[in-house]
């Protein structure tokens, strides 16, 4: 099993994460786990929020998901979602989410992916995990903004970097989402493409295996 290192930096008051291959995150070991609605691991419990393996909505906890655009009437910026017959964990019957984005616009541009968490009580967990990879043919951003929202609906951002065209597991401690006040009422998980962080400004990424875990 490949292990990674994640180093934290602070730029313009917004934290982001760097993934380096073949090393271990200094704040703790984050291990890949198998599929299932609830998995006990050596490091604690892991709850699958969305594995997308039905190839349809909703997610594993009953929440809807899809793409959003800053201005749906502006055809110069758009994001589109589809199901891809490819699973991050190698399940031949599994699916992942394909996200095609375009923020190459003369206007301020941002869009992305949203997923409802149903006011989920995540107080028993302390980490959000997910798998991401880029599309080598279409190109992809190496930086990606992640947001969690609680019942106040205020976005709490964290930027990851180091995306490649191979599946990687990212594990972000809840404490990095500093604006979340109510961990017992999580409302939404969001990915954001924007004309500042996304380079190139058009491309494709894949998302799979969104989980909460206790490390």
Foldseek 3Di string as FASTA:
>chain_A
DWEWEWDWDADPNAIEIEIDTRDAHPVDHDDDDDDDQKDQDPQFIKGWQAFCLVQDDDGPVRKRKFKWWPDPVDPQWDKGKGWACAGLVGDNSGIWIKIWTAAPDPDWTKMWMKIWPQQAQQVVFWKKKKKKAFDPVFDWFQKKWKWWAFPVRDTQIYMYGRHYRHIDMDIDTPVSSPPHDGNSTTTMIIIMQTPPRIPPRTGMMIIGGIMTTHD
